[in-house]
Amino acid sequence: MSEPLERADVAIVGGGMAGASLALMLAHFCPQLRVVLLEQRALPDAAASVLLPSFDTRATAIAAGSLQLFQQLGLWPALRAYSAPIQRIQVSDRGQAFGACLSAVEQPWAGFEGMLGAVIENAALGPILHSALADTPVKPIAPAQVTTVRMGAEGATLHWRAGEGGAEHRLTAGLLVVADGVDSPLCRQLGIEIDTVKYQQQALVTTVGLQRHHRGVAFERFTAAGPMALLPLPQRDGLYRAALVWACGQEDAKALCTLSERERLQQVQRAFGWRAGRFVRMGSLQAYPLSLSLAREQWRRNVALIGNCAHFLHPVAGQGFNLTLRDCYGLAQAMAGERPAQGSSSQLEMLAAYGRGRRLDQRLTIGFSHRIPALFAASNPLLRSVRQMGMLGLTLVPPLRTAFVRQAAGFGL
């Protein structure tokens, strides 16, 4: 038998980094709203300490604009201990003379002077976000498997279970926020179509040990096998570390995963070069297929999409989560006014305004992440010349460099 009907103003389905970030922003900017967060897995214990391995950990590059959002939420002091600053970004084409070096010196962001962003390990970022929810009115429900959703004039009615064979529960919400990731089950239920471009590449993710300190430099290196990002990580256990993301062909990825650590180090060093010094250690490789996924609708009456179910990008520019954070901020700001009645025309107008406000940023960020890998993979001599001229322009033309730096740091053009 179902428990008595519960009601909320906003129900967020998906308690990953996107859903948790939106819940925190709604609690901060819209304290009048009743927000429920449903996650299919159990959430970390808010009182537990963060435990991080030295190697075999994923990390996320957080742009300076996103750091300012975390600062508004009061999270930056906790995150700082698990982050490494990005002070410069070196962009280069393997085997070519010219490259570009970007820094925040010309654009000192308030509170983050000298930083283009920071790299934060996911094993710390996720628990810190969830721990912060304990100090808000947001009601987390986890584990909670949403089985069905029905849309009506008053919003969404969700049916969920706490586990296999558990009792069924119901929840109604004026606004349903779908944040359950790529290949979203809720999007399928709602009939929201997803356009997908498969890149025929694998992303190889690992942690490497460095012989020398990274000095806050992040590298975007375009190799013959595919783009490679090397991101600074905090020193731990006396080791200088960096996060490596290499997008390469499926056969190359498969072959690399079969090698010993020593052989992998040699292959990666040969592909990347010596700009970051010698690689002395490497964690285990994680591989996942790369694609671009875009929802044809990111909002409709009583529904909004956030995170990877709305847009899943190529990792070459490290902008996927940063774009999601800006979406979360935009939605929270759109809802920060007086609460519209459930299913009302004012709520629909609010969602439409939110969509218009996010359109340009999404187009620029998604377009850049989609086109850059193909441009740098091309072996055509003319395109190679265009690439080199582009990087030379970033070096020699201050307005162009400033615009590029502002976009990369999450502040728009």
Protein backbone atom coordinates (compact mmCIF):
# COMPACT_ATOMS: atom_id res chain seq x y z
CA MET A 1 0.00 0.00 0.00
CA SER A 2 1.27 3.45 -0.89
CA GLU A 3 2.12 5.84 1.89
CA PRO A 4 0.20 9.15 2.11
CA LEU A 5 0.87 11.53 -0.73
CA GLU A 6 3.78 13.89 -0.16
CA ARG A 7 4.14 17.25 -1.87
CA ALA A 8 7.09 19.40 -2.86
CA ASP A 9 7.66 22.47 -4.95
CA VAL A 10 10.67 20.90 -6.68
CA ALA A 11 11.61 17.22 -6.99
CA ILE A 12 15.15 16.59 -8.26
CA VAL A 13 15.66 13.03 -9.52
CA GLY A 14 19.36 12.23 -9.46
CA GLY A 15 21.63 13.03 -6.55
CA GLY A 16 24.97 13.10 -8.35
CA MET A 17 27.10 16.22 -8.58
CA ALA A 18 24.59 17.97 -10.87
CA GLY A 19 21.51 17.22 -8.78
CA ALA A 20 23.27 17.98 -5.47
CA SER A 21 24.61 21.28 -6.85
CA LEU A 22 21.17 22.39 -7.97
CA ALA A 23 19.64 21.40 -4.62
CA LEU A 24 22.23 23.51 -2.79
CA MET A 25 21.64 26.50 -5.07
CA LEU A 26 17.87 26.27 -4.64
CA ALA A 27 18.32 26.11 -0.85
CA HIS A 28 20.58 29.17 -1.00
CA PHE A 29 18.75 31.36 -3.49
CA CYS A 30 15.17 30.07 -3.08
CA PRO A 31 14.74 29.20 0.62
CA GLN A 32 10.95 29.50 0.26
CA LEU A 33 10.82 26.37 -1.91
CA ARG A 34 10.26 22.85 -0.61
CA VAL A 35 12.90 20.80 -2.39
CA VAL A 36 13.19 16.99 -2.42
CA LEU A 37 16.24 15.19 -3.83
CA LEU A 38 15.80 11.53 -4.85
CA GLU A 39 18.86 9.38 -5.49
CA GLN A 40 18.85 5.66 -6.31
CA ARG A 41 22.03 4.98 -4.29
CA ALA A 42 22.59 5.60 -0.59
CA LEU A 43 24.20 9.01 0.01
CA PRO A 44 27.52 9.30 1.88
CA ASP A 45 27.37 9.76 5.62
CA ALA A 46 27.47 13.52 6.20
CA ALA A 47 29.62 13.02 9.32
CA ALA A 48 32.17 10.71 7.66
CA SER A 49 35.60 12.05 6.77
CA VAL A 50 36.71 12.21 3.13
CA LEU A 51 39.09 9.37 2.26
CA LEU A 52 41.18 9.77 -0.87
CA PRO A 53 43.59 7.35 -2.52
CA SER A 54 46.86 8.73 -3.86
CA PHE A 55 46.13 7.18 -7.26
CA ASP A 56 43.19 5.74 -9.19
CA THR A 57 40.96 8.75 -8.57
CA ARG A 58 38.86 10.83 -10.97
CA ALA A 59 39.02 14.61 -10.88
CA THR A 60 37.07 17.55 -12.31
CA ALA A 61 38.42 20.86 -13.60
CA ILE A 62 36.38 23.65 -12.01
CA ALA A 63 36.53 27.02 -13.79
CA ALA A 64 37.03 30.22 -11.80
CA GLY A 65 33.42 31.24 -12.44
CA SER A 66 32.25 27.95 -10.95
CA LEU A 67 34.54 28.44 -7.97
CA GLN A 68 32.80 31.75 -7.31
CA LEU A 69 29.47 29.91 -7.27
CA PHE A 70 30.84 27.42 -4.73
CA GLN A 71 32.15 30.35 -2.72
CA GLN A 72 28.64 31.86 -2.61
CA LEU A 73 27.38 28.54 -1.27
CA GLY A 74 30.08 28.54 1.42
CA LEU A 75 31.77 25.41 0.03
CA TRP A 76 35.10 26.76 -1.14
CA PRO A 77 36.90 26.48 2.25
CA ALA A 78 36.11 22.76 2.38
CA LEU A 79 36.94 22.18 -1.28
CA ARG A 80 40.22 24.11 -1.20
CA ALA A 81 41.94 21.39 0.82
CA TYR A 82 41.31 18.86 -1.99
CA SER A 83 42.12 21.11 -4.95
CA ALA A 84 45.08 22.25 -6.99
CA PRO A 85 44.92 25.69 -8.65
CA ILE A 86 45.12 26.10 -12.41
CA GLN A 87 47.24 29.20 -12.91
CA ARG A 88 48.10 28.68 -16.56
CA ILE A 89 46.87 26.58 -19.46
CA GLN A 90 49.32 25.58 -22.17
CA VAL A 91 47.65 24.60 -25.45
CA SER A 92 49.88 22.94 -28.04
CA ASP A 93 49.81 20.80 -31.16
CA ARG A 94 52.30 17.90 -30.84
CA GLY A 95 55.17 18.32 -33.27
CA GLN A 96 54.33 21.93 -34.18
CA ALA A 97 56.29 25.04 -33.26
CA PHE A 98 53.61 27.36 -31.94
CA GLY A 99 51.42 26.99 -28.89
CA ALA A 100 49.37 29.26 -26.68
CA CYS A 101 49.75 30.00 -22.99
CA LEU A 102 46.71 31.36 -21.15
CA SER A 103 46.78 32.84 -17.67
CA ALA A 104 44.49 34.78 -15.37
CA VAL A 105 47.00 37.56 -14.74
CA GLU A 106 45.18 39.93 -17.09
CA GLN A 107 41.77 38.98 -15.67
CA PRO A 108 41.99 38.78 -11.85
CA TRP A 109 38.73 37.23 -10.72
CA ALA A 110 37.47 38.47 -7.36
CA GLY A 111 38.55 36.05 -4.65
CA PHE A 112 40.50 33.86 -7.08
CA GLU A 113 43.30 36.12 -8.28
CA GLY A 114 45.87 34.33 -10.41
CA MET A 115 43.59 31.32 -10.97
CA LEU A 116 41.82 30.16 -14.10
CA GLY A 117 40.21 27.49 -11.96
CA ALA A 118 41.09 24.48 -9.86
CA VAL A 119 41.12 20.70 -10.16
CA ILE A 120 39.16 18.90 -7.45
CA GLU A 121 39.06 15.16 -6.95
CA ASN A 122 35.58 13.69 -7.35
CA ALA A 123 36.07 11.50 -4.29
CA ALA A 124 36.08 14.74 -2.28
CA LEU A 125 33.75 16.90 -4.37
CA GLY A 126 30.77 14.54 -4.20
CA PRO A 127 30.85 13.93 -0.43
CA ILE A 128 31.36 17.64 0.32
CA LEU A 129 28.31 18.54 -1.78
CA HIS A 130 26.20 15.88 -0.05
CA SER A 131 27.49 16.84 3.39
CA ALA A 132 26.47 20.46 2.78
CA LEU A 133 22.89 19.34 2.09
CA ALA A 134 22.58 18.34 5.74
CA ASP A 135 22.66 22.04 6.68
CA THR A 136 19.80 22.97 4.32
CA PRO A 137 16.03 22.40 4.29
CA VAL A 138 16.43 20.11 1.26
CA LYS A 139 14.98 16.67 1.96
CA PRO A 140 17.18 13.91 0.52
CA ILE A 141 15.51 10.54 -0.10
CA ALA A 142 18.02 7.77 -0.75
CA PRO A 143 18.07 5.09 -1.85
CA ALA A 144 15.01 5.86 -3.95
CA GLN A 145 14.34 4.19 -7.30
CA VAL A 146 11.79 6.20 -9.30
CA THR A 147 9.65 3.68 -11.12
CA THR A 148 7.09 5.85 -12.92
CA VAL A 149 6.31 9.50 -13.44
CA ARG A 150 2.98 10.94 -14.51
CA MET A 151 2.60 14.54 -15.64
CA GLY A 152 -0.60 16.46 -14.98
CA ALA A 153 -1.95 19.98 -14.67
CA GLU A 154 -0.55 20.27 -11.14
CA GLY A 155 2.92 19.05 -12.02
CA ALA A 156 4.55 15.61 -11.68
CA THR A 157 3.50 12.57 -9.66
CA LEU A 158 6.44 10.29 -8.93
CA HIS A 159 6.22 6.68 -7.77
CA TRP A 160 9.36 5.38 -6.08
CA ARG A 161 10.64 2.49 -4.01
CA ALA A 162 13.40 2.37 -1.43
CA GLY A 163 14.64 -0.96 -2.77
CA GLU A 164 13.74 -4.13 -4.64
CA GLY A 165 10.42 -5.37 -3.30
CA GLY A 166 10.01 -2.33 -1.04
CA ALA A 167 6.80 -0.44 -0.49
CA GLU A 168 5.74 2.04 -3.12
CA HIS A 169 5.69 5.75 -2.28
CA ARG A 170 4.25 8.75 -4.07
CA LEU A 171 5.43 12.30 -4.36
CA THR A 172 3.88 15.23 -6.24
CA ALA A 173 5.95 18.24 -7.28
CA GLY A 174 5.18 21.43 -9.12
CA LEU A 175 8.51 21.16 -10.96
CA LEU A 176 10.31 17.94 -11.84
CA VAL A 177 14.06 18.34 -12.43
CA VAL A 178 15.59 15.39 -14.26
CA ALA A 179 19.25 14.93 -13.30
CA ASP A 180 19.71 11.16 -13.66
CA GLY A 181 22.59 11.26 -16.14
CA VAL A 182 23.33 10.00 -19.62
CA ASP A 183 20.78 7.53 -21.05
CA SER A 184 18.24 8.93 -18.59
CA PRO A 185 15.38 6.53 -17.75
CA LEU A 186 13.13 9.50 -16.91
CA CYS A 187 13.79 11.14 -20.27
CA ARG A 188 12.65 7.92 -21.94
CA GLN A 189 9.49 7.85 -19.82
CA LEU A 190 8.76 11.48 -20.67
CA GLY A 191 9.36 10.93 -24.39
CA ILE A 192 12.24 13.42 -24.53
CA GLU A 193 14.44 12.50 -27.48
CA ILE A 194 18.23 12.61 -27.30
CA ASP A 195 20.49 13.36 -30.27
CA THR A 196 23.80 11.50 -30.06
CA VAL A 197 27.04 11.79 -32.01
CA LYS A 198 29.47 8.93 -31.40
CA TYR A 199 33.10 10.01 -31.72
CA GLN A 200 34.47 6.48 -32.17
CA GLN A 201 36.92 7.30 -29.39
CA GLN A 202 37.56 6.15 -25.85
CA ALA A 203 38.50 8.45 -22.99
CA LEU A 204 41.34 6.99 -20.94
CA VAL A 205 41.43 8.44 -17.43
CA THR A 206 44.17 7.91 -14.87
CA THR A 207 46.47 9.60 -12.38
CA VAL A 208 50.16 10.05 -13.16
CA GLY A 209 53.07 10.76 -10.86
CA LEU A 210 55.39 13.59 -11.91
CA GLN A 211 59.11 13.91 -11.31
CA ARG A 212 58.69 17.64 -10.65
CA HIS A 213 55.96 19.95 -9.37
CA HIS A 214 53.35 20.96 -11.96
CA ARG A 215 53.43 24.61 -10.77
CA GLY A 216 49.74 25.02 -11.42
CA VAL A 217 50.03 24.42 -15.18
CA ALA A 218 47.33 22.51 -17.06
CA PHE A 219 48.12 21.16 -20.51
CA GLU A 220 45.86 20.67 -23.51
CA ARG A 221 48.04 18.64 -25.87
CA PHE A 222 46.77 17.59 -29.29
CA THR A 223 48.52 14.41 -30.37
CA ALA A 224 48.28 12.26 -33.48
CA ALA A 225 46.23 9.71 -31.52
CA GLY A 226 43.86 12.28 -30.00
CA PRO A 227 43.66 15.20 -27.55
CA MET A 228 45.28 14.78 -24.15
CA ALA A 229 44.67 16.86 -21.02
CA LEU A 230 47.06 16.87 -18.07
CA LEU A 231 45.59 18.61 -15.02
CA PRO A 232 47.38 19.51 -11.78
CA LEU A 233 46.39 17.61 -8.63
CA PRO A 234 47.30 18.28 -4.99
CA GLN A 235 50.50 16.70 -3.76
CA ARG A 236 49.81 13.65 -1.60
CA ASP A 237 52.04 11.18 0.26
CA GLY A 238 55.08 13.06 -1.03
CA LEU A 239 54.04 12.56 -4.67
CA TYR A 240 53.60 15.21 -7.35
CA ARG A 241 50.46 14.18 -9.24
CA ALA A 242 48.36 15.10 -12.26
CA ALA A 243 45.10 13.83 -13.72
CA LEU A 244 45.41 12.53 -17.28
CA VAL A 245 42.54 12.34 -19.77
CA TRP A 246 43.42 11.00 -23.22
CA ALA A 247 40.81 10.71 -25.95
CA CYS A 248 42.09 8.20 -28.48
CA GLY A 249 40.85 5.66 -30.98
CA GLN A 250 39.13 2.55 -29.71
CA GLU A 251 41.86 0.18 -30.89
CA ASP A 252 44.61 2.36 -29.39
CA ALA A 253 42.71 2.49 -26.10
CA LYS A 254 42.20 -1.27 -26.04
CA ALA A 255 45.87 -1.90 -26.73
CA LEU A 256 47.03 0.56 -24.06
CA CYS A 257 44.84 -1.05 -21.40
CA THR A 258 46.60 -4.39 -21.90
CA LEU A 259 50.08 -2.99 -21.18
CA SER A 260 51.98 -3.04 -17.93
CA GLU A 261 52.35 0.20 -15.98
CA ARG A 262 55.91 0.67 -17.23
CA GLU A 263 54.87 0.18 -20.86
CA ARG A 264 51.88 2.52 -20.44
CA LEU A 265 54.15 5.19 -18.99
CA GLN A 266 56.45 4.93 -21.99
CA GLN A 267 53.55 5.15 -24.46
CA VAL A 268 51.97 8.14 -22.73
CA GLN A 269 55.31 9.93 -22.34
CA ARG A 270 56.06 9.42 -26.02
CA ALA A 271 52.64 10.76 -27.05
CA PHE A 272 52.60 13.74 -24.68
CA GLY A 273 56.24 14.79 -24.82
CA TRP A 274 58.34 16.33 -22.07
CA ARG A 275 56.69 19.67 -21.37
CA ALA A 276 55.55 18.48 -17.94
CA GLY A 277 58.78 16.60 -17.24
CA ARG A 278 59.08 12.87 -16.67
CA PHE A 279 56.11 10.69 -15.75
CA VAL A 280 57.25 8.35 -12.97
CA ARG A 281 54.08 6.49 -12.01
CA MET A 282 50.64 5.71 -13.37
CA GLY A 283 47.45 4.44 -11.77
CA SER A 284 45.05 1.98 -13.36
CA LEU A 285 43.29 3.09 -16.54
CA GLN A 286 39.56 3.71 -16.71
CA ALA A 287 38.05 3.80 -20.19
CA TYR A 288 34.67 4.96 -21.40
CA PRO A 289 33.27 5.65 -24.88
CA LEU A 290 33.02 9.27 -25.99
CA SER A 291 29.94 10.83 -27.49
CA LEU A 292 28.03 14.08 -27.66
CA SER A 293 24.48 13.78 -26.32
CA LEU A 294 21.99 16.64 -26.50
CA ALA A 295 18.38 16.55 -25.34
CA ARG A 296 15.99 18.03 -27.90
CA GLU A 297 14.08 19.61 -25.00
CA GLN A 298 15.76 20.92 -21.88
CA TRP A 299 12.49 22.18 -20.45
CA ARG A 300 8.79 21.84 -20.94
CA ARG A 301 5.78 22.52 -18.73
CA ASN A 302 6.66 21.44 -15.16
CA VAL A 303 9.93 19.77 -16.28
CA ALA A 304 13.59 20.85 -16.54
CA LEU A 305 16.69 18.82 -17.43
CA ILE A 306 20.04 19.37 -15.72
CA GLY A 307 23.46 17.76 -16.14
CA ASN A 308 24.49 14.95 -18.46
CA CYS A 309 20.92 14.09 -19.45
CA ALA A 310 20.66 17.61 -20.92
CA HIS A 311 24.11 17.71 -22.52
CA PHE A 312 27.05 15.32 -22.35
CA LEU A 313 30.19 16.80 -23.93
CA HIS A 314 33.55 15.67 -25.24
CA PRO A 315 36.00 16.17 -22.33
CA VAL A 316 38.63 17.97 -24.43
CA ALA A 317 37.91 21.40 -22.91
CA GLY A 318 36.83 20.19 -19.48
CA GLN A 319 33.64 22.27 -19.64
CA GLY A 320 30.85 19.73 -19.09
CA PHE A 321 30.38 20.14 -15.33
CA ASN A 322 31.08 23.88 -15.49
CA LEU A 323 28.30 24.30 -18.03
CA THR A 324 26.01 22.28 -15.76
CA LEU A 325 26.83 24.54 -12.79
CA ARG A 326 25.96 27.62 -14.84
CA ASP A 327 22.68 25.95 -15.84
CA CYS A 328 21.93 25.22 -12.17
CA TYR A 329 22.68 28.82 -11.24
CA GLY A 330 20.49 30.10 -14.08
CA LEU A 331 17.57 27.90 -13.04
CA ALA A 332 17.92 28.87 -9.36
CA GLN A 333 18.02 32.55 -10.27
CA ALA A 334 14.96 32.18 -12.50
CA MET A 335 13.07 30.59 -9.59
CA ALA A 336 14.33 33.04 -6.96
CA GLY A 337 11.32 35.35 -7.33
CA GLU A 338 7.91 34.77 -5.87
CA ARG A 339 6.91 31.11 -6.18
CA PRO A 340 4.52 30.58 -9.11
CA ALA A 341 1.52 28.33 -8.63
CA GLN A 342 2.03 24.74 -9.74
CA GLY A 343 1.29 24.27 -13.41
CA SER A 344 0.66 27.99 -13.87
CA SER A 345 1.48 30.02 -16.96
CA SER A 346 3.95 32.06 -14.90
CA GLN A 347 6.00 28.93 -14.21
CA LEU A 348 6.03 28.15 -17.93
CA GLU A 349 7.18 31.70 -18.65
CA MET A 350 9.90 31.32 -16.02
CA LEU A 351 11.20 28.14 -17.66
CA ALA A 352 11.09 29.78 -21.09
CA ALA A 353 13.09 32.74 -19.75
CA TYR A 354 15.59 30.33 -18.22
CA GLY A 355 15.98 28.54 -21.56
CA ARG A 356 16.55 31.80 -23.44
CA GLY A 357 19.11 32.93 -20.90
CA ARG A 358 21.16 29.73 -21.22
CA ARG A 359 21.03 29.40 -25.01
CA LEU A 360 24.13 31.37 -26.05
CA ASP A 361 26.44 29.93 -23.38
CA GLN A 362 25.37 26.39 -24.25
CA ARG A 363 25.82 26.92 -27.98
CA LEU A 364 29.31 28.38 -27.56
CA THR A 365 30.49 25.77 -25.06
CA ILE A 366 28.99 22.75 -26.79
CA GLY A 367 30.10 23.92 -30.24
CA PHE A 368 33.66 24.48 -29.06
CA SER A 369 33.88 21.09 -27.31
CA HIS A 370 32.47 19.35 -30.40
CA ARG A 371 34.59 20.99 -33.11
CA ILE A 372 38.01 21.29 -31.51
CA PRO A 373 38.88 17.53 -31.48
CA ALA A 374 38.11 17.17 -35.20
CA LEU A 375 40.08 20.31 -36.05
CA PHE A 376 43.19 19.13 -34.22
CA ALA A 377 42.89 15.57 -35.48
CA ALA A 378 42.97 16.71 -39.11
CA SER A 379 46.24 16.05 -40.94
CA ASN A 380 45.44 18.41 -43.82
CA PRO A 381 48.37 20.89 -44.18
CA LEU A 382 45.96 23.81 -44.61
CA LEU A 383 44.10 22.96 -41.40
CA ARG A 384 47.40 22.54 -39.57
CA SER A 385 48.30 26.07 -40.67
CA VAL A 386 44.93 27.35 -39.46
CA ARG A 387 45.52 25.71 -36.07
CA GLN A 388 48.94 27.29 -35.76
CA MET A 389 47.62 30.72 -36.77
CA GLY A 390 44.85 30.39 -34.21
CA MET A 391 47.30 29.65 -31.39
CA LEU A 392 49.60 32.43 -32.58
CA GLY A 393 46.61 34.79 -32.49
CA LEU A 394 45.85 33.81 -28.90
CA THR A 395 49.44 34.64 -28.02
CA LEU A 396 49.78 37.95 -29.88
CA VAL A 397 46.28 39.50 -29.90
CA PRO A 398 45.28 40.60 -26.36
CA PRO A 399 41.51 41.10 -27.02
CA LEU A 400 41.26 37.63 -28.56
CA ARG A 401 43.21 36.11 -25.68
CA THR A 402 41.07 37.95 -23.12
CA ALA A 403 37.83 36.73 -24.70
CA PHE A 404 39.11 33.16 -24.84
CA VAL A 405 40.32 33.25 -21.23
CA ARG A 406 37.00 34.66 -20.00
CA GLN A 407 35.05 31.90 -21.74
CA ALA A 408 37.42 29.18 -20.49
CA ALA A 409 37.13 30.56 -16.95
CA GLY A 410 33.35 30.42 -17.09
CA PHE A 411 32.58 34.14 -17.25
CA GLY A 412 31.28 34.30 -20.83
CA LEU A 413 32.24 36.75 -23.55
